[in-house]
Structures are given as C-alpha cells and as structure tokens.
ModelCIF file with pLDDT and N, C-alpha, C, O atoms, coordinates in Angstrom:
data_MODEL
#
_entry.id   MODEL 
#
_entity.id                         1 
_entity.type                       polymer 
_entity.pdbx_number_of_molecules   1 
#
_entity_poly.entity_id                      1 
_entity_poly.type                           'polypeptide(L)' 
_entity_poly.nstd_linkage                   no 
_entity_poly.nstd_monomer                   no 
_entity_poly.pdbx_seq_one_letter_code       APAPPSPGGGDAQRPSRGGPGGPGGGGPGAVELAAARRRLVAAE 
_entity_poly.pdbx_seq_one_letter_code_can   APAPPSPGGGDAQRPSRGGPGGPGGGGPGAVELAAARRRLVAAE 
_entity_poly.pdbx_strand_id                 A 
#
loop_
_entity_poly_seq.entity_id 
_entity_poly_seq.num 
_entity_poly_seq.mon_id 
_entity_poly_seq.hetero 
1 1  ALA n 
1 2  PRO n 
1 3  ALA n 
1 4  PRO n 
1 5  PRO n 
1 6  SER n 
1 7  PRO n 
1 8  GLY n 
1 9  GLY n 
1 10 GLY n 
1 11 ASP n 
1 12 ALA n 
1 13 GLN n 
1 14 ARG n 
1 15 PRO n 
1 16 SER n 
1 17 ARG n 
1 18 GLY n 
1 19 GLY n 
1 20 PRO n 
1 21 GLY n 
1 22 GLY n 
1 23 PRO n 
1 24 GLY n 
1 25 GLY n 
1 26 GLY n 
1 27 GLY n 
1 28 PRO n 
1 29 GLY n 
1 30 ALA n 
1 31 VAL n 
1 32 GLU n 
1 33 LEU n 
1 34 ALA n 
1 35 ALA n 
1 36 ALA n 
1 37 ARG n 
1 38 ARG n 
1 39 ARG n 
1 40 LEU n 
1 41 VAL n 
1 42 ALA n 
1 43 ALA n 
1 44 GLU n 
#
_struct_asym.id          A 
_struct_asym.entity_id   1 
#
loop_
_ma_qa_metric.id 
_ma_qa_metric.mode 
_ma_qa_metric.name 
_ma_qa_metric.software_group_id 
_ma_qa_metric.type 
1 global pLDDT . pLDDT 
2 local  pLDDT . pLDDT 
#
_ma_qa_metric_global.metric_id      1 
_ma_qa_metric_global.metric_value   67.09 
_ma_qa_metric_global.model_id       1 
_ma_qa_metric_global.ordinal_id     1 
#
loop_
_ma_qa_metric_local.label_asym_id 
_ma_qa_metric_local.label_comp_id 
_ma_qa_metric_local.label_seq_id 
_ma_qa_metric_local.metric_id 
_ma_qa_metric_local.metric_value 
_ma_qa_metric_local.model_id 
_ma_qa_metric_local.ordinal_id 
A ALA 1  2 48.00 1 1  
A PRO 2  2 51.00 1 2  
A ALA 3  2 51.00 1 3  
A PRO 4  2 49.00 1 4  
A PRO 5  2 51.00 1 5  
A SER 6  2 48.00 1 6  
A PRO 7  2 46.00 1 7  
A GLY 8  2 46.00 1 8  
A GLY 9  2 47.00 1 9  
A GLY 10 2 47.00 1 10 
A ASP 11 2 47.00 1 11 
A ALA 12 2 47.00 1 12 
A GLN 13 2 50.00 1 13 
A ARG 14 2 51.00 1 14 
A PRO 15 2 50.00 1 15 
A SER 16 2 48.00 1 16 
A ARG 17 2 52.00 1 17 
A GLY 18 2 49.00 1 18 
A GLY 19 2 47.00 1 19 
A PRO 20 2 50.00 1 20 
A GLY 21 2 46.00 1 21 
A GLY 22 2 47.00 1 22 
A PRO 23 2 50.00 1 23 
A GLY 24 2 50.00 1 24 
A GLY 25 2 53.00 1 25 
A GLY 26 2 64.00 1 26 
A GLY 27 2 73.00 1 27 
A PRO 28 2 77.00 1 28 
A GLY 29 2 88.00 1 29 
A ALA 30 2 91.00 1 30 
A VAL 31 2 92.00 1 31 
A GLU 32 2 93.00 1 32 
A LEU 33 2 94.00 1 33 
A ALA 34 2 94.00 1 34 
A ALA 35 2 95.00 1 35 
A ALA 36 2 96.00 1 36 
A ARG 37 2 96.00 1 37 
A ARG 38 2 96.00 1 38 
A ARG 39 2 97.00 1 39 
A LEU 40 2 97.00 1 40 
A VAL 41 2 97.00 1 41 
A ALA 42 2 97.00 1 42 
A ALA 43 2 97.00 1 43 
A GLU 44 2 97.00 1 44 
#
loop_
_atom_site.group_PDB 
_atom_site.id 
_atom_site.type_symbol 
_atom_site.label_atom_id 
_atom_site.label_alt_id 
_atom_site.label_comp_id 
_atom_site.label_asym_id 
_atom_site.label_entity_id 
_atom_site.label_seq_id 
_atom_site.pdbx_PDB_ins_code 
_atom_site.Cartn_x 
_atom_site.Cartn_y 
_atom_site.Cartn_z 
_atom_site.occupancy 
_atom_site.B_iso_or_equiv 
_atom_site.pdbx_formal_charge 
_atom_site.auth_seq_id 
_atom_site.auth_comp_id 
_atom_site.auth_asym_id 
_atom_site.auth_atom_id 
_atom_site.pdbx_PDB_model_num 
ATOM 1   N N  . ALA A 1 1  ? -12.639 -19.285 -0.253 1.00 48.00 ? 1  ALA A N  1 
ATOM 2   C CA . ALA A 1 1  ? -12.763 -18.602 1.034  1.00 48.00 ? 1  ALA A CA 1 
ATOM 3   C C  . ALA A 1 1  ? -11.379 -18.393 1.631  1.00 48.00 ? 1  ALA A C  1 
ATOM 4   O O  . ALA A 1 1  ? -10.549 -19.301 1.582  1.00 48.00 ? 1  ALA A O  1 
ATOM 5   N N  . PRO A 1 2  ? -11.110 -17.222 2.192  1.00 51.00 ? 2  PRO A N  1 
ATOM 6   C CA . PRO A 1 2  ? -9.795  -16.967 2.771  1.00 51.00 ? 2  PRO A CA 1 
ATOM 7   C C  . PRO A 1 2  ? -9.601  -17.776 4.046  1.00 51.00 ? 2  PRO A C  1 
ATOM 8   O O  . PRO A 1 2  ? -10.541 -18.026 4.799  1.00 51.00 ? 2  PRO A O  1 
ATOM 9   N N  . ALA A 1 3  ? -8.370  -18.171 4.259  1.00 51.00 ? 3  ALA A N  1 
ATOM 10  C CA . ALA A 1 3  ? -8.046  -18.949 5.449  1.00 51.00 ? 3  ALA A CA 1 
ATOM 11  C C  . ALA A 1 3  ? -8.080  -18.035 6.659  1.00 51.00 ? 3  ALA A C  1 
ATOM 12  O O  . ALA A 1 3  ? -7.697  -16.870 6.557  1.00 51.00 ? 3  ALA A O  1 
ATOM 13  N N  . PRO A 1 4  ? -8.533  -18.537 7.808  1.00 49.00 ? 4  PRO A N  1 
ATOM 14  C CA . PRO A 1 4  ? -8.552  -17.690 8.998  1.00 49.00 ? 4  PRO A CA 1 
ATOM 15  C C  . PRO A 1 4  ? -7.128  -17.372 9.437  1.00 49.00 ? 4  PRO A C  1 
ATOM 16  O O  . PRO A 1 4  ? -6.223  -18.191 9.273  1.00 49.00 ? 4  PRO A O  1 
ATOM 17  N N  . PRO A 1 5  ? -6.932  -16.178 9.997  1.00 51.00 ? 5  PRO A N  1 
ATOM 18  C CA . PRO A 1 5  ? -5.578  -15.807 10.417 1.00 51.00 ? 5  PRO A CA 1 
ATOM 19  C C  . PRO A 1 5  ? -5.108  -16.699 11.554 1.00 51.00 ? 5  PRO A C  1 
ATOM 20  O O  . PRO A 1 5  ? -5.894  -17.124 12.401 1.00 51.00 ? 5  PRO A O  1 
ATOM 21  N N  . SER A 1 6  ? -3.811  -16.972 11.553 1.00 48.00 ? 6  SER A N  1 
ATOM 22  C CA . SER A 1 6  ? -3.262  -17.847 12.592 1.00 48.00 ? 6  SER A CA 1 
ATOM 23  C C  . SER A 1 6  ? -3.126  -17.075 13.890 1.00 48.00 ? 6  SER A C  1 
ATOM 24  O O  . SER A 1 6  ? -2.946  -15.858 13.864 1.00 48.00 ? 6  SER A O  1 
ATOM 25  N N  . PRO A 1 7  ? -3.208  -17.749 15.016 1.00 46.00 ? 7  PRO A N  1 
ATOM 26  C CA . PRO A 1 7  ? -3.137  -17.056 16.296 1.00 46.00 ? 7  PRO A CA 1 
ATOM 27  C C  . PRO A 1 7  ? -1.755  -16.485 16.566 1.00 46.00 ? 7  PRO A C  1 
ATOM 28  O O  . PRO A 1 7  ? -1.607  -15.672 17.478 1.00 46.00 ? 7  PRO A O  1 
ATOM 29  N N  . GLY A 1 8  ? -0.778  -16.864 15.839 1.00 46.00 ? 8  GLY A N  1 
ATOM 30  C CA . GLY A 1 8  ? 0.574   -16.398 16.110 1.00 46.00 ? 8  GLY A CA 1 
ATOM 31  C C  . GLY A 1 8  ? 0.885   -15.036 15.539 1.00 46.00 ? 8  GLY A C  1 
ATOM 32  O O  . GLY A 1 8  ? 1.984   -14.539 15.784 1.00 46.00 ? 8  GLY A O  1 
ATOM 33  N N  . GLY A 1 9  ? -0.013  -14.381 14.783 1.00 47.00 ? 9  GLY A N  1 
ATOM 34  C CA . GLY A 1 9  ? 0.300   -13.039 14.315 1.00 47.00 ? 9  GLY A CA 1 
ATOM 35  C C  . GLY A 1 9  ? -0.047  -12.806 12.871 1.00 47.00 ? 9  GLY A C  1 
ATOM 36  O O  . GLY A 1 9  ? 0.344   -11.777 12.320 1.00 47.00 ? 9  GLY A O  1 
ATOM 37  N N  . GLY A 1 10 ? -0.761  -13.707 12.225 1.00 47.00 ? 10 GLY A N  1 
ATOM 38  C CA . GLY A 1 10 ? -1.263  -13.429 10.898 1.00 47.00 ? 10 GLY A CA 1 
ATOM 39  C C  . GLY A 1 10 ? -0.305  -13.835 9.805  1.00 47.00 ? 10 GLY A C  1 
ATOM 40  O O  . GLY A 1 10 ? 0.395   -14.839 9.930  1.00 47.00 ? 10 GLY A O  1 
ATOM 41  N N  . ASP A 1 11 ? -0.267  -13.069 8.742  1.00 47.00 ? 11 ASP A N  1 
ATOM 42  C CA . ASP A 1 11 ? 0.482   -13.418 7.540  1.00 47.00 ? 11 ASP A CA 1 
ATOM 43  C C  . ASP A 1 11 ? 1.980   -13.228 7.702  1.00 47.00 ? 11 ASP A C  1 
ATOM 44  O O  . ASP A 1 11 ? 2.753   -13.865 6.985  1.00 47.00 ? 11 ASP A O  1 
ATOM 45  N N  . ALA A 1 12 ? 2.399   -12.409 8.583  1.00 47.00 ? 12 ALA A N  1 
ATOM 46  C CA . ALA A 1 12 ? 3.828   -12.130 8.724  1.00 47.00 ? 12 ALA A CA 1 
ATOM 47  C C  . ALA A 1 12 ? 4.587   -13.332 9.267  1.00 47.00 ? 12 ALA A C  1 
ATOM 48  O O  . ALA A 1 12 ? 5.789   -13.440 9.029  1.00 47.00 ? 12 ALA A O  1 
ATOM 49  N N  . GLN A 1 13 ? 3.932   -14.243 9.990  1.00 50.00 ? 13 GLN A N  1 
ATOM 50  C CA . GLN A 1 13 ? 4.596   -15.395 10.587 1.00 50.00 ? 13 GLN A CA 1 
ATOM 51  C C  . GLN A 1 13 ? 4.713   -16.570 9.629  1.00 50.00 ? 13 GLN A C  1 
ATOM 52  O O  . GLN A 1 13 ? 5.458   -17.510 9.906  1.00 50.00 ? 13 GLN A O  1 
ATOM 53  N N  . ARG A 1 14 ? 3.985   -16.540 8.489  1.00 51.00 ? 14 ARG A N  1 
ATOM 54  C CA . ARG A 1 14 ? 4.009   -17.662 7.571  1.00 51.00 ? 14 ARG A CA 1 
ATOM 55  C C  . ARG A 1 14 ? 5.331   -17.696 6.813  1.00 51.00 ? 14 ARG A C  1 
ATOM 56  O O  . ARG A 1 14 ? 5.891   -16.651 6.483  1.00 51.00 ? 14 ARG A O  1 
ATOM 57  N N  . PRO A 1 15 ? 5.823   -18.887 6.543  1.00 50.00 ? 15 PRO A N  1 
ATOM 58  C CA . PRO A 1 15 ? 7.055   -18.975 5.742  1.00 50.00 ? 15 PRO A CA 1 
ATOM 59  C C  . PRO A 1 15 ? 6.756   -18.650 4.297  1.00 50.00 ? 15 PRO A C  1 
ATOM 60  O O  . PRO A 1 15 ? 5.663   -18.922 3.800  1.00 50.00 ? 15 PRO A O  1 
ATOM 61  N N  . SER A 1 16 ? 7.717   -18.076 3.635  1.00 48.00 ? 16 SER A N  1 
ATOM 62  C CA . SER A 1 16 ? 7.573   -17.706 2.234  1.00 48.00 ? 16 SER A CA 1 
ATOM 63  C C  . SER A 1 16 ? 7.623   -18.941 1.366  1.00 48.00 ? 16 SER A C  1 
ATOM 64  O O  . SER A 1 16 ? 8.272   -19.927 1.714  1.00 48.00 ? 16 SER A O  1 
ATOM 65  N N  . ARG A 1 17 ? 6.945   -18.891 0.248  1.00 52.00 ? 17 ARG A N  1 
ATOM 66  C CA . ARG A 1 17 ? 6.923   -20.043 -0.645 1.00 52.00 ? 17 ARG A CA 1 
ATOM 67  C C  . ARG A 1 17 ? 7.950   -19.882 -1.763 1.00 52.00 ? 17 ARG A C  1 
ATOM 68  O O  . ARG A 1 17 ? 7.860   -20.550 -2.794 1.00 52.00 ? 17 ARG A O  1 
ATOM 69  N N  . GLY A 1 18 ? 8.844   -19.070 -1.574 1.00 49.00 ? 18 GLY A N  1 
ATOM 70  C CA . GLY A 1 18 ? 9.907   -18.953 -2.560 1.00 49.00 ? 18 GLY A CA 1 
ATOM 71  C C  . GLY A 1 18 ? 9.602   -17.918 -3.604 1.00 49.00 ? 18 GLY A C  1 
ATOM 72  O O  . GLY A 1 18 ? 9.299   -18.266 -4.745 1.00 49.00 ? 18 GLY A O  1 
ATOM 73  N N  . GLY A 1 19 ? 9.670   -16.707 -3.266 1.00 47.00 ? 19 GLY A N  1 
ATOM 74  C CA . GLY A 1 19 ? 9.485   -15.631 -4.230 1.00 47.00 ? 19 GLY A CA 1 
ATOM 75  C C  . GLY A 1 19 ? 10.814  -14.980 -4.500 1.00 47.00 ? 19 GLY A C  1 
ATOM 76  O O  . GLY A 1 19 ? 11.866  -15.582 -4.283 1.00 47.00 ? 19 GLY A O  1 
ATOM 77  N N  . PRO A 1 20 ? 10.772  -13.754 -4.972 1.00 50.00 ? 20 PRO A N  1 
ATOM 78  C CA . PRO A 1 20 ? 12.006  -13.068 -5.261 1.00 50.00 ? 20 PRO A CA 1 
ATOM 79  C C  . PRO A 1 20 ? 12.823  -12.787 -4.006 1.00 50.00 ? 20 PRO A C  1 
ATOM 80  O O  . PRO A 1 20 ? 14.030  -12.561 -4.096 1.00 50.00 ? 20 PRO A O  1 
ATOM 81  N N  . GLY A 1 21 ? 12.199  -12.797 -2.863 1.00 46.00 ? 21 GLY A N  1 
ATOM 82  C CA . GLY A 1 21 ? 12.927  -12.498 -1.638 1.00 46.00 ? 21 GLY A CA 1 
ATOM 83  C C  . GLY A 1 21 ? 13.650  -13.691 -1.076 1.00 46.00 ? 21 GLY A C  1 
ATOM 84  O O  . GLY A 1 21 ? 14.379  -13.549 -0.094 1.00 46.00 ? 21 GLY A O  1 
ATOM 85  N N  . GLY A 1 22 ? 13.486  -14.841 -1.644 1.00 47.00 ? 22 GLY A N  1 
ATOM 86  C CA . GLY A 1 22 ? 14.182  -16.014 -1.145 1.00 47.00 ? 22 GLY A CA 1 
ATOM 87  C C  . GLY A 1 22 ? 13.283  -16.877 -0.301 1.00 47.00 ? 22 GLY A C  1 
ATOM 88  O O  . GLY A 1 22 ? 12.227  -16.415 0.131  1.00 47.00 ? 22 GLY A O  1 
ATOM 89  N N  . PRO A 1 23 ? 13.670  -18.150 -0.042 1.00 50.00 ? 23 PRO A N  1 
ATOM 90  C CA . PRO A 1 23 ? 12.816  -19.052 0.687  1.00 50.00 ? 23 PRO A CA 1 
ATOM 91  C C  . PRO A 1 23 ? 12.712  -18.735 2.175  1.00 50.00 ? 23 PRO A C  1 
ATOM 92  O O  . PRO A 1 23 ? 11.677  -19.042 2.765  1.00 50.00 ? 23 PRO A O  1 
ATOM 93  N N  . GLY A 1 24 ? 13.657  -18.176 2.782  1.00 50.00 ? 24 GLY A N  1 
ATOM 94  C CA . GLY A 1 24 ? 13.624  -17.967 4.228  1.00 50.00 ? 24 GLY A CA 1 
ATOM 95  C C  . GLY A 1 24 ? 13.257  -16.568 4.624  1.00 50.00 ? 24 GLY A C  1 
ATOM 96  O O  . GLY A 1 24 ? 12.786  -16.379 5.746  1.00 50.00 ? 24 GLY A O  1 
ATOM 97  N N  . GLY A 1 25 ? 13.431  -15.596 3.809  1.00 53.00 ? 25 GLY A N  1 
ATOM 98  C CA . GLY A 1 25 ? 13.216  -14.201 4.194  1.00 53.00 ? 25 GLY A CA 1 
ATOM 99  C C  . GLY A 1 25 ? 11.836  -13.720 3.849  1.00 53.00 ? 25 GLY A C  1 
ATOM 100 O O  . GLY A 1 25 ? 11.140  -14.352 3.054  1.00 53.00 ? 25 GLY A O  1 
ATOM 101 N N  . GLY A 1 26 ? 11.426  -12.622 4.425  1.00 64.00 ? 26 GLY A N  1 
ATOM 102 C CA . GLY A 1 26 ? 10.149  -11.991 4.126  1.00 64.00 ? 26 GLY A CA 1 
ATOM 103 C C  . GLY A 1 26 ? 10.359  -10.894 3.122  1.00 64.00 ? 26 GLY A C  1 
ATOM 104 O O  . GLY A 1 26 ? 10.207  -9.720  3.460  1.00 64.00 ? 26 GLY A O  1 
ATOM 105 N N  . GLY A 1 27 ? 10.692  -11.220 1.940  1.00 73.00 ? 27 GLY A N  1 
ATOM 106 C CA . GLY A 1 27 ? 11.020  -10.235 0.910  1.00 73.00 ? 27 GLY A CA 1 
ATOM 107 C C  . GLY A 1 27 ? 9.804   -9.560  0.320  1.00 73.00 ? 27 GLY A C  1 
ATOM 108 O O  . GLY A 1 27 ? 8.696   -9.662  0.847  1.00 73.00 ? 27 GLY A O  1 
ATOM 109 N N  . PRO A 1 28 ? 10.032  -8.859  -0.800 1.00 77.00 ? 28 PRO A N  1 
ATOM 110 C CA . PRO A 1 28 ? 8.951   -8.111  -1.443 1.00 77.00 ? 28 PRO A CA 1 
ATOM 111 C C  . PRO A 1 28 ? 7.823   -9.011  -1.912 1.00 77.00 ? 28 PRO A C  1 
ATOM 112 O O  . PRO A 1 28 ? 6.697   -8.529  -2.035 1.00 77.00 ? 28 PRO A O  1 
ATOM 113 N N  . GLY A 1 29 ? 8.049   -10.264 -2.175 1.00 88.00 ? 29 GLY A N  1 
ATOM 114 C CA . GLY A 1 29 ? 6.990   -11.180 -2.607 1.00 88.00 ? 29 GLY A CA 1 
ATOM 115 C C  . GLY A 1 29 ? 5.979   -11.418 -1.494 1.00 88.00 ? 29 GLY A C  1 
ATOM 116 O O  . GLY A 1 29 ? 4.780   -11.511 -1.756 1.00 88.00 ? 29 GLY A O  1 
ATOM 117 N N  . ALA A 1 30 ? 6.449   -11.517 -0.261 1.00 91.00 ? 30 ALA A N  1 
ATOM 118 C CA . ALA A 1 30 ? 5.562   -11.743 0.868  1.00 91.00 ? 30 ALA A CA 1 
ATOM 119 C C  . ALA A 1 30 ? 4.692   -10.520 1.132  1.00 91.00 ? 30 ALA A C  1 
ATOM 120 O O  . ALA A 1 30 ? 3.525   -10.653 1.499  1.00 91.00 ? 30 ALA A O  1 
ATOM 121 N N  . VAL A 1 31 ? 5.257   -9.332  0.945  1.00 92.00 ? 31 VAL A N  1 
ATOM 122 C CA . VAL A 1 31 ? 4.493   -8.097  1.154  1.00 92.00 ? 31 VAL A CA 1 
ATOM 123 C C  . VAL A 1 31 ? 3.392   -7.985  0.099  1.00 92.00 ? 31 VAL A C  1 
ATOM 124 O O  . VAL A 1 31 ? 2.251   -7.634  0.401  1.00 92.00 ? 31 VAL A O  1 
ATOM 125 N N  . GLU A 1 32 ? 3.766   -8.295  -1.152 1.00 93.00 ? 32 GLU A N  1 
ATOM 126 C CA . GLU A 1 32 ? 2.749   -8.238  -2.212 1.00 93.00 ? 32 GLU A CA 1 
ATOM 127 C C  . GLU A 1 32 ? 1.656   -9.266  -1.987 1.00 93.00 ? 32 GLU A C  1 
ATOM 128 O O  . GLU A 1 32 ? 0.479   -8.997  -2.228 1.00 93.00 ? 32 GLU A O  1 
ATOM 129 N N  . LEU A 1 33 ? 2.052   -10.449 -1.522 1.00 94.00 ? 33 LEU A N  1 
ATOM 130 C CA . LEU A 1 33 ? 1.073   -11.502 -1.250 1.00 94.00 ? 33 LEU A CA 1 
ATOM 131 C C  . LEU A 1 33 ? 0.129   -11.081 -0.123 1.00 94.00 ? 33 LEU A C  1 
ATOM 132 O O  . LEU A 1 33 ? -1.077  -11.311 -0.217 1.00 94.00 ? 33 LEU A O  1 
ATOM 133 N N  . ALA A 1 34 ? 0.646   -10.479 0.920  1.00 94.00 ? 34 ALA A N  1 
ATOM 134 C CA . ALA A 1 34 ? -0.186  -10.011 2.033  1.00 94.00 ? 34 ALA A CA 1 
ATOM 135 C C  . ALA A 1 34 ? -1.137  -8.921  1.576  1.00 94.00 ? 34 ALA A C  1 
ATOM 136 O O  . ALA A 1 34 ? -2.297  -8.910  1.986  1.00 94.00 ? 34 ALA A O  1 
ATOM 137 N N  . ALA A 1 35 ? -0.672  -8.004  0.735  1.00 95.00 ? 35 ALA A N  1 
ATOM 138 C CA . ALA A 1 35 ? -1.535  -6.938  0.220  1.00 95.00 ? 35 ALA A CA 1 
ATOM 139 C C  . ALA A 1 35 ? -2.629  -7.514  -0.675 1.00 95.00 ? 35 ALA A C  1 
ATOM 140 O O  . ALA A 1 35 ? -3.782  -7.087  -0.610 1.00 95.00 ? 35 ALA A O  1 
ATOM 141 N N  . ALA A 1 36 ? -2.267  -8.475  -1.500 1.00 96.00 ? 36 ALA A N  1 
ATOM 142 C CA . ALA A 1 36 ? -3.255  -9.113  -2.371 1.00 96.00 ? 36 ALA A CA 1 
ATOM 143 C C  . ALA A 1 36 ? -4.297  -9.858  -1.547 1.00 96.00 ? 36 ALA A C  1 
ATOM 144 O O  . ALA A 1 36 ? -5.489  -9.841  -1.853 1.00 96.00 ? 36 ALA A O  1 
ATOM 145 N N  . ARG A 1 37 ? -3.809  -10.519 -0.479 1.00 96.00 ? 37 ARG A N  1 
ATOM 146 C CA . ARG A 1 37 ? -4.739  -11.240 0.384  1.00 96.00 ? 37 ARG A CA 1 
ATOM 147 C C  . ARG A 1 37 ? -5.706  -10.266 1.076  1.00 96.00 ? 37 ARG A C  1 
ATOM 148 O O  . ARG A 1 37 ? -6.895  -10.565 1.191  1.00 96.00 ? 37 ARG A O  1 
ATOM 149 N N  . ARG A 1 38 ? -5.221  -9.118  1.533  1.00 96.00 ? 38 ARG A N  1 
ATOM 150 C CA . ARG A 1 38 ? -6.097  -8.109  2.160  1.00 96.00 ? 38 ARG A CA 1 
ATOM 151 C C  . ARG A 1 38 ? -7.124  -7.592  1.159  1.00 96.00 ? 38 ARG A C  1 
ATOM 152 O O  . ARG A 1 38 ? -8.299  -7.425  1.486  1.00 96.00 ? 38 ARG A O  1 
ATOM 153 N N  . ARG A 1 39 ? -6.668  -7.342  -0.057 1.00 97.00 ? 39 ARG A N  1 
ATOM 154 C CA . ARG A 1 39 ? -7.614  -6.877  -1.080 1.00 97.00 ? 39 ARG A CA 1 
ATOM 155 C C  . ARG A 1 39 ? -8.678  -7.937  -1.370 1.00 97.00 ? 39 ARG A C  1 
ATOM 156 O O  . ARG A 1 39 ? -9.852  -7.620  -1.557 1.00 97.00 ? 39 ARG A O  1 
ATOM 157 N N  . LEU A 1 40 ? -8.249  -9.199  -1.402 1.00 97.00 ? 40 LEU A N  1 
ATOM 158 C CA . LEU A 1 40 ? -9.193  -10.302 -1.636 1.00 97.00 ? 40 LEU A CA 1 
ATOM 159 C C  . LEU A 1 40 ? -10.222 -10.398 -0.516 1.00 97.00 ? 40 LEU A C  1 
ATOM 160 O O  . LEU A 1 40 ? -11.411 -10.572 -0.784 1.00 97.00 ? 40 LEU A O  1 
ATOM 161 N N  . VAL A 1 41 ? -9.782  -10.286 0.728  1.00 97.00 ? 41 VAL A N  1 
ATOM 162 C CA . VAL A 1 41 ? -10.697 -10.338 1.880  1.00 97.00 ? 41 VAL A CA 1 
ATOM 163 C C  . VAL A 1 41 ? -11.677 -9.169  1.822  1.00 97.00 ? 41 VAL A C  1 
ATOM 164 O O  . VAL A 1 41 ? -12.868 -9.347  2.077  1.00 97.00 ? 41 VAL A O  1 
ATOM 165 N N  . ALA A 1 42 ? -11.182 -7.968  1.486  1.00 97.00 ? 42 ALA A N  1 
ATOM 166 C CA . ALA A 1 42 ? -12.058 -6.792  1.384  1.00 97.00 ? 42 ALA A CA 1 
ATOM 167 C C  . ALA A 1 42 ? -13.077 -6.971  0.256  1.00 97.00 ? 42 ALA A C  1 
ATOM 168 O O  . ALA A 1 42 ? -14.251 -6.634  0.410  1.00 97.00 ? 42 ALA A O  1 
ATOM 169 N N  . ALA A 1 43 ? -12.616 -7.505  -0.881 1.00 97.00 ? 43 ALA A N  1 
ATOM 170 C CA . ALA A 1 43 ? -13.531 -7.728  -1.999 1.00 97.00 ? 43 ALA A CA 1 
ATOM 171 C C  . ALA A 1 43 ? -14.589 -8.761  -1.643 1.00 97.00 ? 43 ALA A C  1 
ATOM 172 O O  . ALA A 1 43 ? -15.755 -8.612  -2.006 1.00 97.00 ? 43 ALA A O  1 
ATOM 173 N N  . GLU A 1 44 ? -14.180 -9.814  -0.929 1.00 97.00 ? 44 GLU A N  1 
ATOM 174 C CA . GLU A 1 44 ? -15.138 -10.838 -0.509 1.00 97.00 ? 44 GLU A CA 1 
ATOM 175 C C  . GLU A 1 44 ? -16.169 -10.250 0.450  1.00 97.00 ? 44 GLU A C  1 
ATOM 176 O O  . GLU A 1 44 ? -17.059 -10.963 0.913  1.00 97.00 ? 44 GLU A O  1 
#
C-alpha cells in the first residue's frame, strides 16, 4: 500500500536516498521515483 502523502508538500519534500542526483539534491532519480510512485498509485 502506498504511504499517505506528508502534510508538508508530498514527495518533493522527502530527502533523496542517494541516486544519481546525489544524497542532498533532488536530481533525476527523485523525479523518476515520484513518477513511478504516481503510476503505482494509479495502478492500485
């Protein structure tokens, strides 16, 4: 089950887990993760 969105603004506020964009930045890995999460929620 997908986690409920946080009250602070959703996926954009979460820290990255270390993708190609680096540990502190919101690089391309975070965007792909957010898109995958949206697709997962829609599929569910």
